[in-house]
Amino acid sequence: MFGTGKKTAWKAWANFSEVTETFIAITQDPTSLKLDSLHMRRLERLTVLIYSKMCSANSVNEARKLMFTHGLKALECIPPTQQVLFQHTKRALLVAAFIWKQSLYRGPHIPNASEWGWEWNARTKAWMPYWTSLPDASHGCTLLLHCGCSVACKGN
């Protein structure tokens, strides 16, 4: 959520108070967060409101399309994809619902990080964020990589 601040997030939350129920529910039962759940739909709507309080889209993917195609925001300033938001939320839940919630326990039960938005990188021997299961656009979308025009092409 690069470029958005605490005040912006706070105002969006104040204008969409239903997400409070979601925050409580997923911190009490983190496994209730699924990609197609009501909780995820609410988190998506909150994210859309953080990026644009006037956007009517309910999903981040729809908002991305609207904001980019209508020239409302640059590519770097649009919300993350649904997959990326889901993985980011899982990482935040690992910290909030498992690590901090059990910080005073003598023997806390911390689940495997690979189930909560992280992947082990054998080369660097470190945990790295797992961003998305979507394929890299550069492998399947040549339209975005080269100009297909034949008249007066300047190679842009």
Protein backbone atom coordinates (compact mmCIF):
# COMPACT_ATOMS: atom_id res chain seq x y z
CA MET A 1 0.00 0.00 0.00
CA PHE A 2 2.80 2.29 -1.01
CA GLY A 3 1.93 5.96 -0.91
CA THR A 4 -1.11 5.75 1.36
CA GLY A 5 -0.88 7.03 4.89
CA LYS A 6 -2.47 6.27 8.24
CA LYS A 7 -4.87 9.21 8.05
CA THR A 8 -6.18 8.10 4.67
CA ALA A 9 -6.69 4.55 5.93
CA TRP A 10 -8.36 5.82 9.10
CA LYS A 11 -10.82 7.98 7.10
CA ALA A 12 -11.65 5.08 4.79
CA TRP A 13 -12.27 2.83 7.80
CA ALA A 14 -14.51 5.49 9.40
CA ASN A 15 -16.56 5.64 6.18
CA PHE A 16 -16.82 1.84 5.92
CA SER A 17 -17.38 0.67 9.48
CA GLU A 18 -18.62 -2.82 8.46
CA VAL A 19 -14.99 -3.81 8.03
CA THR A 20 -14.57 -3.61 11.82
CA GLU A 21 -16.55 -6.87 12.11
CA THR A 22 -14.15 -8.43 9.63
CA PHE A 23 -11.06 -7.29 11.55
CA ILE A 24 -12.45 -8.80 14.75
CA ALA A 25 -13.52 -12.04 13.05
CA ILE A 26 -10.27 -12.73 11.23
CA THR A 27 -8.08 -11.98 14.24
CA GLN A 28 -10.17 -14.35 16.35
CA ASP A 29 -10.28 -17.02 13.62
CA PRO A 30 -7.62 -16.37 10.97
CA THR A 31 -8.64 -19.44 8.98
CA SER A 32 -11.99 -17.76 8.22
CA LEU A 33 -10.20 -15.54 5.68
CA LYS A 34 -10.65 -17.10 2.25
CA LEU A 35 -10.24 -15.53 -1.16
CA ASP A 36 -13.99 -15.74 -1.85
CA SER A 37 -15.22 -14.90 1.67
CA LEU A 38 -17.28 -11.95 2.89
CA HIS A 39 -14.24 -10.87 4.91
CA MET A 40 -12.09 -10.64 1.79
CA ARG A 41 -14.79 -8.71 -0.07
CA ARG A 42 -14.92 -6.19 2.79
CA LEU A 43 -11.13 -5.86 2.86
CA GLU A 44 -11.16 -5.28 -0.88
CA ARG A 45 -13.78 -2.54 -0.56
CA LEU A 46 -11.77 -0.88 2.22
CA THR A 47 -8.66 -1.01 0.03
CA VAL A 48 -10.56 0.57 -2.87
CA LEU A 49 -11.72 3.38 -0.54
CA ILE A 50 -8.17 3.93 0.68
CA TYR A 51 -6.98 4.45 -2.89
CA SER A 52 -10.01 6.46 -4.04
CA LYS A 53 -12.86 7.52 -1.77
CA MET A 54 -15.03 8.23 -4.82
CA CYS A 55 -14.53 4.90 -6.61
CA SER A 56 -17.68 2.78 -6.80
CA ALA A 57 -15.87 -0.50 -7.44
CA ASN A 58 -16.19 -3.21 -4.82
CA SER A 59 -13.23 -5.34 -5.89
CA VAL A 60 -9.62 -4.23 -6.15
CA ASN A 61 -9.25 -5.78 -9.61
CA GLU A 62 -12.23 -3.79 -10.88
CA ALA A 63 -10.88 -0.62 -9.25
CA ARG A 64 -7.44 -1.19 -10.80
CA LYS A 65 -9.02 -1.44 -14.23
CA LEU A 66 -11.15 1.68 -13.76
CA MET A 67 -8.37 3.80 -12.29
CA PHE A 68 -5.80 2.83 -14.90
CA THR A 69 -7.94 2.80 -18.05
CA HIS A 70 -9.63 6.09 -17.24
CA GLY A 71 -6.30 7.74 -16.52
CA LEU A 72 -7.24 8.51 -12.93
CA LYS A 73 -4.02 7.15 -11.47
CA ALA A 74 -0.62 6.01 -12.66
CA LEU A 75 0.13 2.28 -12.61
CA GLU A 76 2.27 2.71 -9.48
CA CYS A 77 -0.61 4.40 -7.63
CA ILE A 78 -3.42 1.89 -8.14
CA PRO A 79 -4.46 -0.75 -5.58
CA PRO A 80 -2.77 -4.16 -5.49
CA THR A 81 -4.41 -7.11 -7.25
CA GLN A 82 -6.78 -9.31 -5.29
CA GLN A 83 -4.16 -12.07 -5.09
CA VAL A 84 -1.50 -9.70 -3.75
CA LEU A 85 -3.92 -8.18 -1.23
CA PHE A 86 -4.90 -11.67 -0.05
CA GLN A 87 -1.27 -12.71 0.50
CA HIS A 88 -0.47 -9.41 2.23
CA THR A 89 -3.47 -9.86 4.52
CA LYS A 90 -2.35 -13.38 5.37
CA ARG A 91 1.11 -12.09 6.35
CA ALA A 92 -0.48 -9.40 8.53
CA LEU A 93 -2.70 -12.04 10.16
CA LEU A 94 0.30 -14.22 10.94
CA VAL A 95 1.78 -11.35 12.92
CA ALA A 96 -1.44 -10.07 14.52
CA ALA A 97 -3.42 -13.24 15.17
CA PHE A 98 -0.59 -15.61 16.00
CA ILE A 99 2.63 -13.88 16.97
CA TRP A 100 1.37 -10.80 18.88
CA LYS A 101 -1.76 -12.46 20.22
CA GLN A 102 0.38 -15.21 21.77
CA SER A 103 3.36 -13.06 22.68
CA LEU A 104 2.90 -13.58 26.42
CA TYR A 105 2.33 -17.34 26.21
CA ARG A 106 5.09 -19.61 27.42
CA GLY A 107 4.65 -22.03 24.49
CA PRO A 108 2.90 -20.23 21.65
CA HIS A 109 1.61 -22.16 18.65
CA ILE A 110 2.93 -20.40 15.57
CA PRO A 111 1.88 -22.00 12.26
CA ASN A 112 4.20 -22.61 9.34
CA ALA A 113 4.91 -19.29 7.61
CA SER A 114 4.49 -20.91 4.19
CA GLU A 115 0.75 -21.18 4.91
CA TRP A 116 0.53 -17.48 5.70
CA GLY A 117 1.99 -15.59 2.72
CA TRP A 118 5.68 -16.48 2.98
CA GLU A 119 7.96 -18.79 0.98
CA TRP A 120 11.37 -20.18 1.82
CA ASN A 121 14.14 -19.08 -0.53
CA ALA A 122 16.78 -21.81 -0.49
CA ARG A 123 19.31 -19.62 -2.30
CA THR A 124 19.26 -16.83 0.28
CA LYS A 125 18.24 -19.12 3.14
CA ALA A 126 15.54 -16.66 4.21
CA TRP A 127 11.79 -16.30 4.23
CA MET A 128 10.52 -14.04 1.44
CA PRO A 129 7.02 -12.66 0.87
CA TYR A 130 4.90 -14.76 -1.48
CA TRP A 131 3.14 -12.17 -3.61
CA THR A 132 0.79 -13.92 -6.00
CA SER A 133 -0.10 -17.11 -7.79
CA LEU A 134 -0.81 -15.14 -10.98
CA PRO A 135 1.67 -15.64 -13.83
CA ASP A 136 4.06 -12.85 -14.75
CA ALA A 137 2.41 -10.72 -17.44
CA SER A 138 5.65 -10.49 -19.43
CA HIS A 139 5.46 -14.21 -20.28
CA GLY A 140 1.99 -14.25 -21.79
CA CYS A 141 1.19 -10.74 -22.90
CA THR A 142 3.42 -9.63 -25.75
CA LEU A 143 0.94 -6.87 -26.62
CA LEU A 144 2.26 -4.86 -23.69
CA LEU A 145 5.89 -5.45 -24.60
CA HIS A 146 6.14 -4.21 -28.18
CA CYS A 147 4.43 -1.91 -30.60
CA GLY A 148 2.31 -3.65 -33.23
CA CYS A 149 1.60 -0.66 -35.45
CA SER A 150 2.93 -0.59 -38.98
CA VAL A 151 2.36 3.03 -40.05
CA ALA A 152 4.52 5.84 -38.65
CA CYS A 153 5.81 3.72 -35.80
CA LYS A 154 8.28 5.42 -33.54
CA GLY A 155 8.97 2.25 -31.47
CA ASN A 156 7.05 3.44 -28.41
